[in-house]
């Protein structure tokens, strides 16, 4: 549930659109442990970790190489987040 309502893809996308910058989100991945933690990969060169169980919580922003982030993945034990970036220069 997000903010007391059942989680649906439409609700998650709507919630994220309200909080993200205009840069397109390239990938969304929920943690495999069943928690309401979501990781987004974006063309704004960030990974964002969202705790959807906390109403109004801002995401934790991870910045790395100066490239668009196209994909992300979370290890089965949720201890590692991996991402793929592409240099378009």
N, C-alpha and C. Protein backbone atom coordinates (compact mmCIF):
# COMPACT_ATOMS: atom_id res chain seq x y z
N UNK A 1 0.82 -1.19 0.00
CA UNK A 1 0.00 0.00 0.00
C UNK A 1 0.87 1.25 0.00
N UNK A 2 0.47 2.24 -0.75
CA UNK A 2 1.11 3.55 -0.73
C UNK A 2 0.10 4.50 -0.12
N UNK A 3 0.50 5.14 0.97
CA UNK A 3 -0.38 6.10 1.62
C UNK A 3 -1.75 5.48 1.90
N UNK A 4 -1.76 4.20 2.31
CA UNK A 4 -3.00 3.54 2.70
C UNK A 4 -3.81 2.99 1.55
N UNK A 5 -3.32 3.09 0.30
CA UNK A 5 -4.06 2.59 -0.85
C UNK A 5 -3.29 1.43 -1.48
N UNK A 6 -4.00 0.48 -2.12
CA UNK A 6 -3.31 -0.62 -2.80
C UNK A 6 -2.35 -0.09 -3.87
N UNK A 7 -1.22 -0.78 -4.02
CA UNK A 7 -0.22 -0.39 -4.99
C UNK A 7 -0.62 -0.91 -6.37
N UNK A 8 -0.65 -0.05 -7.35
CA UNK A 8 -0.83 -0.44 -8.75
C UNK A 8 0.22 0.29 -9.56
N UNK A 9 0.55 -0.24 -10.74
CA UNK A 9 1.55 0.43 -11.58
C UNK A 9 1.13 1.87 -11.88
N UNK A 10 -0.15 2.08 -12.16
CA UNK A 10 -0.63 3.43 -12.48
C UNK A 10 -0.41 4.38 -11.32
N UNK A 11 -0.67 3.93 -10.09
CA UNK A 11 -0.50 4.78 -8.92
C UNK A 11 0.98 5.07 -8.66
N UNK A 12 1.84 4.06 -8.83
CA UNK A 12 3.27 4.26 -8.63
C UNK A 12 3.80 5.27 -9.64
N UNK A 13 3.45 5.12 -10.90
CA UNK A 13 3.92 6.04 -11.94
C UNK A 13 3.40 7.45 -11.68
N UNK A 14 2.16 7.57 -11.30
CA UNK A 14 1.59 8.89 -11.01
C UNK A 14 2.32 9.55 -9.84
N UNK A 15 2.59 8.79 -8.79
CA UNK A 15 3.30 9.29 -7.62
C UNK A 15 4.70 9.76 -7.99
N UNK A 16 5.40 8.97 -8.82
CA UNK A 16 6.76 9.33 -9.20
C UNK A 16 6.80 10.54 -10.12
N UNK A 17 5.85 10.64 -11.03
CA UNK A 17 5.83 11.79 -11.94
C UNK A 17 5.70 13.10 -11.19
N UNK A 18 4.99 13.08 -10.08
CA UNK A 18 4.83 14.30 -9.29
C UNK A 18 6.14 14.73 -8.64
N UNK A 19 7.06 13.77 -8.41
CA UNK A 19 8.27 14.08 -7.68
C UNK A 19 9.53 14.13 -8.53
N UNK A 20 9.50 13.57 -9.73
CA UNK A 20 10.70 13.53 -10.56
C UNK A 20 10.87 14.80 -11.37
N UNK A 21 12.10 15.06 -11.71
CA UNK A 21 12.41 16.15 -12.64
C UNK A 21 11.94 15.71 -14.03
N UNK A 22 11.98 16.62 -15.00
CA UNK A 22 11.51 16.28 -16.34
C UNK A 22 12.29 15.17 -17.04
N UNK A 23 13.47 14.79 -16.55
CA UNK A 23 14.26 13.75 -17.21
C UNK A 23 13.51 12.42 -17.20
N UNK A 24 13.47 11.74 -18.34
CA UNK A 24 12.74 10.46 -18.41
C UNK A 24 13.34 9.39 -17.50
N UNK A 25 12.47 8.64 -16.88
CA UNK A 25 12.88 7.47 -16.10
C UNK A 25 13.05 6.31 -17.07
N UNK A 26 14.19 5.66 -17.01
CA UNK A 26 14.49 4.57 -17.95
C UNK A 26 14.16 3.20 -17.37
N UNK A 27 14.16 3.07 -16.04
CA UNK A 27 13.92 1.75 -15.43
C UNK A 27 13.39 1.95 -14.02
N UNK A 28 12.50 1.06 -13.60
CA UNK A 28 11.95 1.02 -12.24
C UNK A 28 12.03 -0.41 -11.74
N UNK A 29 12.57 -0.59 -10.53
CA UNK A 29 12.71 -1.94 -9.98
C UNK A 29 12.34 -1.90 -8.50
N UNK A 30 11.42 -2.80 -8.10
CA UNK A 30 11.12 -2.98 -6.68
C UNK A 30 12.15 -3.92 -6.07
N UNK A 31 12.44 -3.72 -4.78
CA UNK A 31 13.34 -4.65 -4.08
C UNK A 31 12.67 -6.02 -4.00
N UNK A 32 13.46 -7.10 -4.12
CA UNK A 32 12.89 -8.45 -4.13
C UNK A 32 12.42 -8.94 -2.76
N UNK A 33 12.64 -8.18 -1.69
CA UNK A 33 12.26 -8.65 -0.36
C UNK A 33 10.81 -8.33 0.00
N UNK A 34 10.06 -7.74 -0.95
CA UNK A 34 8.65 -7.47 -0.70
C UNK A 34 8.36 -6.14 -0.02
N UNK A 35 9.39 -5.39 0.31
CA UNK A 35 9.16 -4.07 0.91
C UNK A 35 8.71 -3.11 -0.18
N UNK A 36 8.24 -1.96 0.20
CA UNK A 36 7.81 -0.96 -0.77
C UNK A 36 8.95 0.00 -1.09
N UNK A 37 10.11 -0.57 -1.39
CA UNK A 37 11.26 0.21 -1.81
C UNK A 37 11.42 0.04 -3.31
N UNK A 38 11.54 1.17 -3.99
CA UNK A 38 11.63 1.19 -5.44
C UNK A 38 12.89 1.94 -5.83
N UNK A 39 13.57 1.47 -6.86
CA UNK A 39 14.75 2.16 -7.38
C UNK A 39 14.44 2.59 -8.80
N UNK A 40 14.72 3.87 -9.10
CA UNK A 40 14.52 4.38 -10.46
C UNK A 40 15.86 4.78 -11.06
N UNK A 41 16.01 4.49 -12.36
CA UNK A 41 17.18 4.90 -13.13
C UNK A 41 16.71 5.96 -14.12
N UNK A 42 17.48 7.04 -14.25
CA UNK A 42 16.98 8.16 -15.03
C UNK A 42 18.03 8.79 -15.94
N UNK A 43 17.53 9.49 -16.94
CA UNK A 43 18.41 10.25 -17.83
C UNK A 43 18.96 11.50 -17.14
N UNK A 44 18.53 11.79 -15.92
CA UNK A 44 19.14 12.92 -15.20
C UNK A 44 20.42 12.47 -14.49
N UNK A 45 20.91 11.28 -14.84
CA UNK A 45 22.19 10.74 -14.36
C UNK A 45 22.13 10.32 -12.90
N UNK A 46 20.95 9.88 -12.43
CA UNK A 46 20.81 9.47 -11.03
C UNK A 46 20.10 8.13 -10.92
N UNK A 47 20.34 7.50 -9.79
CA UNK A 47 19.49 6.43 -9.28
C UNK A 47 18.78 7.05 -8.08
N UNK A 48 17.50 6.77 -7.93
CA UNK A 48 16.76 7.27 -6.77
C UNK A 48 16.15 6.08 -6.05
N UNK A 49 16.29 6.09 -4.73
CA UNK A 49 15.73 5.02 -3.90
C UNK A 49 14.52 5.61 -3.19
N UNK A 50 13.35 5.05 -3.47
CA UNK A 50 12.08 5.55 -2.96
C UNK A 50 11.55 4.60 -1.89
N UNK A 51 11.19 5.14 -0.74
CA UNK A 51 10.50 4.36 0.29
C UNK A 51 9.03 4.72 0.18
N UNK A 52 8.28 3.94 -0.57
CA UNK A 52 6.88 4.25 -0.84
C UNK A 52 5.98 4.04 0.37
N UNK A 53 6.51 3.41 1.42
CA UNK A 53 5.71 3.22 2.64
C UNK A 53 5.65 4.49 3.47
N UNK A 54 6.56 5.44 3.21
CA UNK A 54 6.59 6.69 3.97
C UNK A 54 5.96 7.80 3.14
N UNK A 55 4.79 8.22 3.56
CA UNK A 55 4.04 9.24 2.83
C UNK A 55 4.86 10.53 2.72
N UNK A 56 5.02 11.01 1.49
CA UNK A 56 5.70 12.28 1.26
C UNK A 56 7.21 12.25 1.39
N UNK A 57 7.79 11.08 1.61
CA UNK A 57 9.25 10.99 1.78
C UNK A 57 9.96 11.27 0.46
N UNK A 58 11.01 12.06 0.53
CA UNK A 58 11.83 12.31 -0.65
C UNK A 58 12.74 11.11 -0.88
N UNK A 59 13.08 10.87 -2.14
CA UNK A 59 13.97 9.73 -2.42
C UNK A 59 15.40 10.04 -2.03
N UNK A 60 16.16 8.97 -1.77
CA UNK A 60 17.59 9.10 -1.58
C UNK A 60 18.20 9.10 -2.98
N UNK A 61 18.97 10.12 -3.32
CA UNK A 61 19.51 10.27 -4.68
C UNK A 61 20.97 9.83 -4.71
N UNK A 62 21.27 8.93 -5.64
CA UNK A 62 22.64 8.47 -5.86
C UNK A 62 23.13 9.05 -7.18
N UNK A 63 24.25 9.72 -7.14
CA UNK A 63 24.85 10.30 -8.35
C UNK A 63 26.19 9.60 -8.58
N UNK A 64 26.50 9.39 -9.82
CA UNK A 64 27.75 8.70 -10.14
C UNK A 64 28.37 9.29 -11.37
N UNK A 65 28.70 8.43 -12.34
CA UNK A 65 29.29 8.92 -13.58
C UNK A 65 28.37 9.94 -14.25
N UNK A 66 28.95 10.76 -15.07
CA UNK A 66 28.20 11.82 -15.74
C UNK A 66 27.54 11.30 -17.02
N UNK A 67 26.76 10.23 -16.88
CA UNK A 67 26.08 9.61 -18.02
C UNK A 67 24.65 9.27 -17.64
N UNK A 68 23.80 9.15 -18.64
CA UNK A 68 22.43 8.71 -18.39
C UNK A 68 22.45 7.31 -17.80
N UNK A 69 21.56 7.04 -16.86
CA UNK A 69 21.44 5.71 -16.27
C UNK A 69 20.26 5.01 -16.94
N UNK A 70 20.52 3.91 -17.62
CA UNK A 70 19.50 3.22 -18.41
C UNK A 70 18.83 2.06 -17.69
N UNK A 71 19.55 1.35 -16.87
CA UNK A 71 19.00 0.16 -16.20
C UNK A 71 19.52 0.09 -14.77
N UNK A 72 18.71 -0.58 -13.93
CA UNK A 72 19.16 -0.85 -12.57
C UNK A 72 18.66 -2.24 -12.17
N UNK A 73 19.34 -2.81 -11.20
CA UNK A 73 18.98 -4.13 -10.69
C UNK A 73 19.35 -4.18 -9.22
N UNK A 74 18.64 -5.01 -8.48
CA UNK A 74 18.88 -5.15 -7.04
C UNK A 74 19.18 -6.61 -6.75
N UNK A 75 20.21 -6.87 -5.96
CA UNK A 75 20.59 -8.24 -5.64
C UNK A 75 19.48 -8.91 -4.82
N UNK A 76 19.40 -10.24 -4.87
CA UNK A 76 18.34 -10.97 -4.15
C UNK A 76 18.27 -10.66 -2.65
N UNK A 77 19.43 -10.37 -2.03
CA UNK A 77 19.42 -10.06 -0.59
C UNK A 77 19.31 -8.56 -0.33
N UNK A 78 19.11 -7.76 -1.38
CA UNK A 78 18.93 -6.30 -1.31
C UNK A 78 20.15 -5.55 -0.78
N UNK A 79 21.32 -6.15 -0.88
CA UNK A 79 22.53 -5.49 -0.37
C UNK A 79 23.28 -4.71 -1.44
N UNK A 80 22.94 -4.94 -2.72
CA UNK A 80 23.66 -4.29 -3.81
C UNK A 80 22.68 -3.78 -4.86
N UNK A 81 22.92 -2.56 -5.32
CA UNK A 81 22.20 -2.01 -6.46
C UNK A 81 23.22 -1.85 -7.58
N UNK A 82 22.89 -2.40 -8.74
CA UNK A 82 23.76 -2.26 -9.91
C UNK A 82 23.05 -1.40 -10.94
N UNK A 83 23.83 -0.65 -11.72
CA UNK A 83 23.23 0.18 -12.75
C UNK A 83 24.09 0.13 -14.02
N UNK A 84 23.44 0.49 -15.13
CA UNK A 84 24.12 0.54 -16.42
C UNK A 84 23.99 1.96 -16.95
N UNK A 85 25.13 2.56 -17.27
CA UNK A 85 25.16 3.89 -17.87
C UNK A 85 25.84 3.80 -19.22
N UNK A 86 25.50 4.74 -20.09
CA UNK A 86 26.07 4.76 -21.43
C UNK A 86 26.60 6.15 -21.72
N UNK A 87 27.85 6.20 -22.16
CA UNK A 87 28.45 7.46 -22.57
C UNK A 87 28.05 7.73 -24.01
N UNK A 88 27.37 8.85 -24.24
CA UNK A 88 26.89 9.18 -25.58
C UNK A 88 27.74 10.28 -26.23
N UNK A 89 28.97 10.44 -25.77
CA UNK A 89 29.84 11.49 -26.34
C UNK A 89 30.54 10.97 -27.57
